[in-house]
Protein backbone atom coordinates (compact mmCIF):
# COMPACT_ATOMS: atom_id res chain seq x y z
CA MET A 1 -1.85 -96.66 -15.80
CA ASP A 2 -4.54 -99.65 -15.79
CA GLU A 3 -5.75 -100.93 -19.11
CA ASN A 4 -8.98 -98.93 -19.17
CA ARG A 5 -7.03 -95.67 -18.71
CA LYS A 6 -4.44 -96.61 -21.45
CA ILE A 7 -7.48 -97.27 -23.91
CA GLN A 8 -8.93 -93.77 -22.75
CA ALA A 9 -5.52 -92.21 -23.33
CA LYS A 10 -5.20 -93.47 -26.96
CA LYS A 11 -8.67 -92.55 -27.78
CA TYR A 12 -8.12 -89.17 -26.43
CA GLU A 13 -5.03 -88.59 -28.44
CA LYS A 14 -6.66 -90.23 -31.50
CA ILE A 15 -9.47 -87.57 -31.56
CA LYS A 16 -7.33 -84.52 -30.73
CA LEU A 17 -5.15 -85.36 -33.50
CA ILE A 18 -7.81 -85.96 -36.04
CA VAL A 19 -9.20 -82.57 -35.13
CA LYS A 20 -5.96 -80.94 -35.48
CA ILE A 21 -5.21 -82.24 -38.98
CA SER A 22 -8.59 -81.49 -39.89
CA GLU A 23 -8.62 -77.97 -38.42
CA SER A 24 -5.12 -77.34 -40.33
CA VAL A 25 -6.34 -78.80 -43.76
CA VAL A 26 -9.47 -76.92 -43.56
CA SER A 27 -7.81 -73.58 -42.43
CA PHE A 28 -5.29 -74.10 -45.28
CA ILE A 29 -8.02 -74.70 -47.86
CA LEU A 30 -10.00 -71.68 -46.76
CA LEU A 31 -7.13 -69.50 -46.69
CA ILE A 32 -6.16 -70.13 -50.21
CA LEU A 33 -9.88 -69.74 -51.40
CA PHE A 34 -9.81 -66.58 -49.33
CA LEU A 35 -6.79 -65.36 -51.50
CA TRP A 36 -7.16 -66.97 -54.79
CA LEU A 37 -11.24 -65.77 -54.97
CA GLY A 38 -10.10 -62.08 -53.96
CA TYR A 39 -11.96 -62.08 -50.87
CA SER A 40 -8.86 -60.93 -49.04
CA LYS A 41 -8.48 -57.83 -51.58
CA SER A 42 -11.81 -57.03 -51.21
CA LEU A 43 -11.49 -56.88 -47.30
CA GLU A 44 -8.57 -54.66 -47.80
CA LEU A 45 -10.49 -52.28 -49.80
CA PHE A 46 -13.36 -52.50 -47.34
CA ALA A 47 -10.77 -51.51 -44.57
CA PHE A 48 -9.66 -48.50 -46.44
CA GLY A 49 -13.14 -47.43 -47.26
CA PHE A 50 -12.97 -46.22 -43.58
CA THR A 51 -9.69 -44.84 -43.55
CA SER A 52 -6.84 -43.79 -45.52
CA ASN A 53 -4.17 -44.36 -42.81
CA PRO A 54 -2.78 -47.90 -43.69
CA TYR A 55 -2.12 -48.88 -39.95
CA ILE A 56 -5.93 -48.14 -38.86
CA ALA A 57 -6.90 -50.50 -42.00
CA LEU A 58 -4.67 -53.19 -41.03
CA VAL A 59 -6.50 -53.02 -37.48
CA ILE A 60 -10.00 -53.28 -39.40
CA TYR A 61 -8.65 -55.93 -41.59
CA GLY A 62 -7.40 -57.86 -38.59
CA LEU A 63 -10.61 -57.40 -36.48
CA VAL A 64 -12.66 -58.77 -39.19
CA ILE A 65 -10.63 -61.77 -39.92
CA GLY A 66 -10.33 -62.49 -36.29
CA LEU A 67 -14.14 -62.09 -35.86
CA VAL A 68 -14.82 -64.15 -38.61
CA SER A 69 -12.39 -66.82 -37.73
CA SER A 70 -13.62 -66.99 -34.02
CA LEU A 71 -17.08 -67.49 -35.15
CA ILE A 72 -16.09 -70.32 -37.36
CA SER A 73 -13.84 -72.21 -34.79
CA PHE A 74 -16.00 -71.57 -31.81
CA PRO A 75 -18.24 -74.75 -32.49
CA ILE A 76 -15.11 -76.83 -32.78
CA ASP A 77 -13.44 -75.36 -29.64
CA TYR A 78 -16.72 -75.83 -27.68
CA ILE A 79 -16.88 -79.40 -28.97
CA PHE A 80 -13.38 -80.52 -28.86
CA GLY A 81 -11.87 -77.80 -26.14
CA PHE A 82 -14.42 -77.77 -23.68
CA ARG A 83 -16.81 -80.61 -23.98
CA LEU A 84 -14.15 -83.35 -24.71
CA GLU A 85 -11.84 -82.19 -21.75
CA HIS A 86 -14.82 -82.76 -19.38
CA LYS A 87 -15.83 -86.17 -21.07
CA PHE A 88 -12.29 -87.56 -20.19
CA GLY A 89 -12.49 -85.84 -16.92
CA LEU A 90 -9.49 -83.42 -17.56
CA SER A 91 -10.90 -80.00 -17.23
CA ASN A 92 -12.34 -78.27 -13.81
CA LEU A 93 -13.69 -75.09 -15.86
CA THR A 94 -17.50 -74.23 -15.95
CA PHE A 95 -18.72 -73.11 -19.41
CA GLY A 96 -18.69 -69.46 -18.04
CA LYS A 97 -15.08 -69.50 -16.84
CA TRP A 98 -13.99 -71.39 -19.87
CA ILE A 99 -15.24 -68.55 -22.15
CA ALA A 100 -13.80 -65.95 -19.75
CA GLU A 101 -10.48 -67.85 -19.92
CA LYS A 102 -10.64 -67.77 -23.71
CA PHE A 103 -11.39 -64.19 -23.92
CA LYS A 104 -8.71 -63.11 -21.58
CA ALA A 105 -6.25 -65.14 -23.39
CA ALA A 106 -7.18 -63.56 -26.96
CA LEU A 107 -7.00 -60.14 -24.96
CA VAL A 108 -3.54 -60.61 -23.60
CA GLY A 109 -2.46 -62.38 -26.82
CA SER A 110 -3.56 -59.39 -29.11
CA ILE A 111 -1.77 -56.94 -26.66
CA ILE A 112 1.34 -58.73 -26.91
CA ALA A 113 0.84 -59.39 -30.83
CA ALA A 114 -0.07 -55.52 -31.72
CA PRO A 115 3.49 -53.95 -31.38
CA ILE A 116 5.12 -56.75 -33.29
CA ALA A 117 2.26 -56.55 -36.08
CA PHE A 118 2.76 -52.88 -36.40
CA LEU A 119 6.46 -52.97 -36.45
CA PHE A 120 6.40 -55.89 -39.06
CA TYR A 121 3.93 -53.89 -41.21
CA TRP A 122 6.24 -50.77 -41.12
CA LEU A 123 9.11 -52.92 -42.10
CA ILE A 124 7.61 -54.78 -44.87
CA SER A 125 6.48 -51.18 -46.26
CA SER A 126 9.97 -49.48 -45.90
CA TYR A 127 12.72 -52.19 -46.26
CA GLU A 128 13.56 -54.88 -48.79
CA LEU A 129 15.33 -56.58 -45.89
CA TRP A 130 12.34 -56.35 -43.51
CA TRP A 131 12.73 -60.28 -42.70
CA LEU A 132 16.33 -59.50 -41.06
CA TYR A 133 15.16 -56.45 -39.35
CA LEU A 134 12.15 -58.29 -37.93
CA ALA A 135 13.98 -61.28 -36.82
CA CYS A 136 16.42 -59.04 -34.59
CA ILE A 137 13.06 -57.37 -33.34
CA VAL A 138 11.72 -60.63 -32.62
CA TRP A 139 14.61 -61.99 -30.69
CA VAL A 140 14.66 -59.04 -28.63
CA TYR A 141 10.88 -58.96 -28.14
CA SER A 142 11.24 -62.72 -27.02
CA ILE A 143 13.72 -62.01 -24.46
CA LEU A 144 11.89 -59.20 -22.93
CA LEU A 145 8.77 -61.32 -22.78
CA ALA A 146 10.68 -64.31 -21.21
CA GLN A 147 11.84 -61.79 -18.45
CA ILE A 148 8.50 -60.18 -17.65
CA ALA A 149 6.10 -63.13 -18.31
CA PRO A 150 6.62 -64.79 -15.01
CA VAL A 151 5.69 -61.47 -12.97
CA LEU A 152 3.38 -59.73 -15.09
CA ILE A 153 1.66 -62.13 -17.57
CA PHE A 154 1.57 -65.46 -15.77
CA PRO A 155 -0.33 -63.94 -12.90
CA LEU A 156 -3.02 -62.78 -15.03
CA PHE A 157 -4.18 -66.59 -15.43
CA TYR A 158 -2.84 -68.26 -12.31
CA LYS A 159 -2.20 -67.34 -8.75
CA PHE A 160 1.48 -67.87 -7.60
CA THR A 161 2.64 -68.60 -3.77
CA PRO A 162 5.72 -69.84 -2.56
CA ILE A 163 5.47 -73.35 -1.83
CA ASP A 164 4.37 -73.92 1.76
CA ASN A 165 5.86 -77.54 2.50
CA GLU A 166 9.12 -76.35 4.15
CA ASP A 167 10.70 -79.50 4.18
CA LEU A 168 10.18 -80.02 0.53
CA LYS A 169 11.41 -76.34 -0.03
CA ALA A 170 14.68 -76.87 1.81
CA LYS A 171 15.51 -80.07 -0.32
CA LEU A 172 14.74 -78.26 -3.59
CA MET A 173 16.58 -75.34 -2.80
CA ALA A 174 19.65 -77.43 -1.94
CA MET A 175 19.35 -78.87 -5.32
CA CYS A 176 19.47 -75.56 -6.78
CA ASN A 177 22.52 -74.56 -4.87
CA ASN A 178 24.40 -77.89 -5.72
CA ALA A 179 23.49 -77.24 -9.33
CA GLY A 180 24.68 -73.56 -9.01
CA PHE A 181 21.08 -72.24 -10.24
CA LYS A 182 20.19 -68.92 -8.65
CA VAL A 183 16.47 -68.87 -8.63
CA SER A 184 14.20 -66.08 -7.46
CA GLY A 185 11.91 -68.42 -5.89
CA ILE A 186 9.93 -71.92 -6.11
CA TYR A 187 6.14 -71.39 -6.64
CA LYS A 188 3.20 -73.18 -6.65
CA PHE A 189 0.19 -72.26 -8.82
CA ASN A 190 -3.15 -73.13 -9.01
CA MET A 191 -3.15 -75.40 -12.07
CA SER A 192 -6.43 -77.03 -10.72
CA LYS A 193 -8.41 -73.86 -11.50
CA THR A 194 -8.59 -75.06 -14.95
CA THR A 195 -7.58 -78.72 -15.53
CA LYS A 196 -6.89 -81.90 -13.33
CA LYS A 197 -3.43 -82.29 -15.23
CA ALA A 198 -0.22 -81.77 -13.74
CA ASN A 199 2.75 -79.94 -14.73
CA ALA A 200 6.02 -78.08 -13.67
CA ALA A 201 8.21 -75.66 -15.56
CA PHE A 202 11.29 -73.31 -15.36
CA THR A 203 10.20 -69.72 -16.28
CA GLY A 204 11.77 -66.59 -16.85
CA ILE A 205 15.71 -65.60 -17.39
CA GLY A 206 18.01 -63.26 -15.43
CA ARG A 207 16.44 -61.95 -12.08
CA THR A 208 12.98 -63.43 -12.97
CA LYS A 209 14.16 -67.21 -13.26
CA ARG A 210 12.00 -69.41 -10.82
CA ILE A 211 10.41 -72.89 -10.82
CA ILE A 212 6.82 -73.18 -10.80
CA LEU A 213 4.74 -76.33 -9.76
CA GLY A 214 1.33 -77.14 -10.38
CA ASP A 215 -0.96 -77.41 -7.26
CA THR A 216 -1.93 -80.62 -8.95
CA LEU A 217 1.48 -81.91 -8.91
CA LEU A 218 2.21 -80.81 -5.20
CA GLU A 219 -1.21 -82.48 -4.02
CA THR A 220 -1.01 -85.94 -5.85
CA PHE A 221 2.74 -86.59 -6.12
CA THR A 222 5.39 -87.70 -3.26
CA ASP A 223 8.14 -85.69 -2.16
CA LYS A 224 10.53 -88.12 -3.88
CA GLU A 225 8.46 -87.68 -7.26
CA ILE A 226 8.31 -83.75 -7.02
CA GLU A 227 12.32 -84.02 -6.16
CA THR A 228 12.31 -85.93 -9.59
CA VAL A 229 10.18 -83.45 -11.62
CA PHE A 230 12.21 -80.60 -10.13
CA ALA A 231 15.57 -82.34 -10.98
CA HIS A 232 14.51 -82.80 -14.46
CA GLU A 233 13.72 -79.26 -14.60
CA LEU A 234 16.99 -78.15 -13.04
CA GLY A 235 18.69 -80.60 -15.79
CA HIS A 236 17.44 -78.25 -18.41
CA TYR A 237 19.53 -75.50 -16.85
CA LYS A 238 22.18 -77.87 -16.14
CA ARG A 239 22.65 -79.09 -19.55
CA GLY A 240 22.55 -75.63 -21.27
CA HIS A 241 19.13 -76.09 -22.81
CA ILE A 242 18.01 -72.57 -22.40
CA ALA A 243 20.96 -71.05 -23.86
CA LYS A 244 20.76 -73.60 -26.82
CA ASN A 245 17.01 -73.09 -27.33
CA ILE A 246 17.79 -69.17 -27.42
CA LEU A 247 20.58 -69.84 -30.20
CA ILE A 248 18.28 -72.27 -32.01
CA SER A 249 15.61 -69.75 -32.24
CA ILE A 250 17.82 -67.07 -33.40
CA PHE A 251 18.82 -69.12 -36.25
CA GLY A 252 15.37 -70.73 -37.01
CA THR A 253 13.96 -67.47 -36.99
CA LEU A 254 16.43 -65.90 -39.33
CA VAL A 255 16.39 -68.90 -41.91
CA GLY A 256 12.55 -69.15 -41.88
CA LEU A 257 11.83 -65.40 -42.50
CA PHE A 258 14.47 -65.33 -45.01
CA LEU A 259 13.00 -68.31 -46.92
CA MET A 260 9.40 -67.13 -46.58
CA SER A 261 10.18 -63.60 -47.77
CA GLN A 262 11.51 -65.12 -51.12
CA ILE A 263 8.76 -67.69 -51.65
CA TYR A 264 6.25 -64.58 -50.68
CA VAL A 265 7.46 -62.37 -53.32
CA LYS A 266 7.49 -64.79 -55.68
CA LEU A 267 3.91 -65.93 -55.34
CA LEU A 268 2.54 -62.50 -54.88
CA PRO A 269 1.61 -62.30 -58.85
CA LEU A 270 -0.06 -65.49 -58.73
CA PHE A 271 -2.87 -64.29 -56.20
CA GLY A 272 -2.99 -60.79 -58.03
CA PHE A 273 -0.73 -58.81 -55.72
CA THR A 274 2.05 -56.45 -56.80
CA HIS A 275 3.70 -55.34 -53.37
CA PRO A 276 4.63 -57.37 -50.65
CA TRP A 277 3.00 -54.71 -48.07
CA GLU A 278 -0.45 -54.88 -49.46
CA ILE A 279 -2.47 -55.74 -46.65
CA GLY A 280 -4.74 -58.27 -48.76
CA ALA A 281 -1.50 -60.13 -49.50
CA LEU A 282 -0.70 -60.70 -45.97
CA PRO A 283 -2.49 -64.09 -45.42
CA LEU A 284 -0.23 -65.36 -48.22
CA LEU A 285 2.66 -64.81 -45.79
CA ALA A 286 1.03 -66.64 -43.14
CA LEU A 287 -0.06 -69.59 -45.21
CA ILE A 288 3.91 -69.85 -46.34
CA ALA A 289 4.59 -69.86 -42.56
CA ALA A 290 2.14 -72.61 -42.08
CA VAL A 291 3.93 -74.89 -44.67
CA TYR A 292 7.44 -74.17 -43.24
CA SER A 293 6.25 -74.85 -39.74
CA PHE A 294 4.65 -78.13 -40.64
CA PHE A 295 7.88 -79.36 -42.56
CA THR A 296 10.16 -78.16 -39.75
CA SER A 297 8.13 -79.62 -36.92
CA PRO A 298 10.05 -83.07 -36.99
CA LEU A 299 13.50 -81.08 -36.56
CA SER A 300 12.21 -78.81 -33.73
CA ALA A 301 10.46 -81.72 -32.04
CA GLY A 302 13.43 -84.03 -32.43
CA ILE A 303 15.66 -81.39 -30.81
CA SER A 304 13.12 -81.02 -28.01
CA ARG A 305 12.82 -84.75 -27.47
CA LYS A 306 16.54 -84.79 -27.10
CA PHE A 307 16.76 -82.16 -24.41
CA GLU A 308 14.18 -84.23 -22.60
CA PHE A 309 16.26 -87.54 -22.33
CA GLU A 310 19.18 -85.26 -21.35
CA ALA A 311 17.17 -83.75 -18.46
CA ASP A 312 15.97 -87.06 -17.51
CA ARG A 313 19.44 -88.45 -17.45
CA TYR A 314 20.46 -85.44 -15.05
CA ALA A 315 17.57 -86.25 -12.81
CA ILE A 316 19.00 -89.86 -12.56
CA ASP A 317 22.31 -88.51 -11.60
CA THR A 318 20.98 -86.19 -9.16
CA THR A 319 18.59 -88.50 -7.40
CA ARG A 320 20.01 -91.80 -8.16
CA ASP A 321 16.37 -93.24 -8.11
CA PRO A 322 15.10 -94.51 -11.46
CA ASP A 323 12.17 -95.80 -9.47
CA ALA A 324 10.88 -92.55 -8.48
CA LEU A 325 11.11 -91.25 -12.13
CA GLU A 326 9.13 -94.22 -13.47
CA SER A 327 6.45 -93.57 -10.92
CA THR A 328 6.59 -90.02 -11.67
CA MET A 329 6.21 -90.74 -15.46
CA LYS A 330 3.41 -93.28 -14.87
CA LYS A 331 1.43 -90.84 -12.59
CA LEU A 332 1.97 -87.72 -15.05
CA ALA A 333 0.71 -90.05 -17.91
CA ASP A 334 -2.34 -91.35 -15.93
CA GLN A 335 -3.20 -87.72 -14.59
CA ASN A 336 -2.49 -85.93 -17.94
CA LEU A 337 -4.05 -88.98 -20.01
CA ALA A 338 -1.24 -89.10 -22.21
CA ASN A 339 -0.86 -92.18 -24.72
CA ASP A 340 2.31 -93.84 -23.28
CA GLU A 341 3.15 -95.65 -26.57
CA PRO A 342 1.86 -93.54 -29.28
CA ASN A 343 2.23 -94.22 -32.97
CA LYS A 344 6.06 -93.94 -33.99
CA LEU A 345 5.38 -91.43 -36.83
CA VAL A 346 3.07 -89.08 -34.76
CA GLU A 347 5.55 -89.13 -32.03
CA PHE A 348 8.56 -88.36 -34.59
CA TRP A 349 6.45 -85.32 -36.11
CA THR A 350 4.47 -83.97 -33.14
CA TYR A 351 5.95 -84.84 -29.81
CA SER A 352 8.00 -82.45 -28.21
CA HIS A 353 8.64 -84.76 -25.10
CA PRO A 354 9.51 -88.47 -25.54
CA SER A 355 6.73 -90.98 -24.94
CA ILE A 356 6.35 -92.08 -21.48
CA LYS A 357 7.40 -95.69 -22.12
CA ARG A 358 10.82 -94.59 -24.10
CA ARG A 359 11.41 -92.23 -21.33
CA ILE A 360 11.39 -94.79 -18.77
CA GLU A 361 13.37 -97.26 -20.66
CA ALA A 362 15.95 -94.69 -21.62
CA ALA A 363 16.22 -93.86 -17.80
CA ARG A 364 16.35 -97.70 -16.74
CA ASN A 365 19.29 -98.28 -19.37
CA TYR A 366 20.98 -95.21 -18.28
CA PHE A 367 21.00 -95.91 -14.49
CA ARG A 368 22.02 -99.57 -15.23
CA LYS A 369 24.77 -98.97 -17.50
CA LYS A 370 26.28 -95.96 -15.17
CA TYR A 371 25.62 -97.15 -11.64
CA GLU A 372 24.50 -100.77 -11.29
CA PRO A 373 28.07 -102.07 -12.27
CA ALA A 374 29.45 -99.97 -9.06
CA VAL A 375 26.85 -101.68 -6.63
């Protein structure tokens, strides 16, 4: 990444960070005022003015909240989600397609979230241990989504096709066989439809396990670099990160919901509510969840960064090519406009992946200690 690109990356990250923090603070304040000034209770009464059924009232309440939130956030999304990406040369979407993608994402997200929302309301209305039952349902639902997402949900947004480079495919399949990794396929997807950024990922569980590679990655990276990316993704499987993440998710969901439920009950009277199932009180639970997420972010981000380092080491063990890993990291930083040397506090609190500079240094040190003495 040349010096001008590094300056752009730092500027891009700074803008995104300021916007994210500002949005979070403003949303937090507005949500408190919405509850404190009684507007949430008024909206609940408005919803029940149309029906006596609490589930229909919940839908009406949610639709109003969603519509108002969308209207308030749209100018920010447009400036910093559409214009900014074009300003830095990262987006391939026209305004019309950007709107269409946002609408599609909102629709799909609502369909996915609706069953959980109704189950949550039924549980909180019926059981004192609603948080425990909800945690169990969320675990099962998450596993189901992980199975169906690659074949039912992702294709709604991207077109998936088997990679057409037969030599590369043979090498990648050989790597899978050597790792004992049974995969349903190796696919490319038209990531260029929306962005110039590049990415690859491991998706699905069970019979739907697959590796997906963005066409932006396949078109701009060498076979050696793609093999390195692929080896990194295999590293997540080989080092048990999938199972570990499931266990962490189970524990985190259980602890998080328990703590939030206790705080929620204690704060209800402060905002004029009596029962936890009052629809107007539910934003208070969302507020507590946001605070909980903020303070647990460093822990989850730190675990994720640890897994990324381990996957990089597996890639080194597989390819024995630190040069390919370094060139891959630098290309990804350049193509994704990633800040390769971010502020340490920002990295600690928010980065799910280590900075590019740290990843390269760690991989070099690992290769030097493990392999160079034997040369």
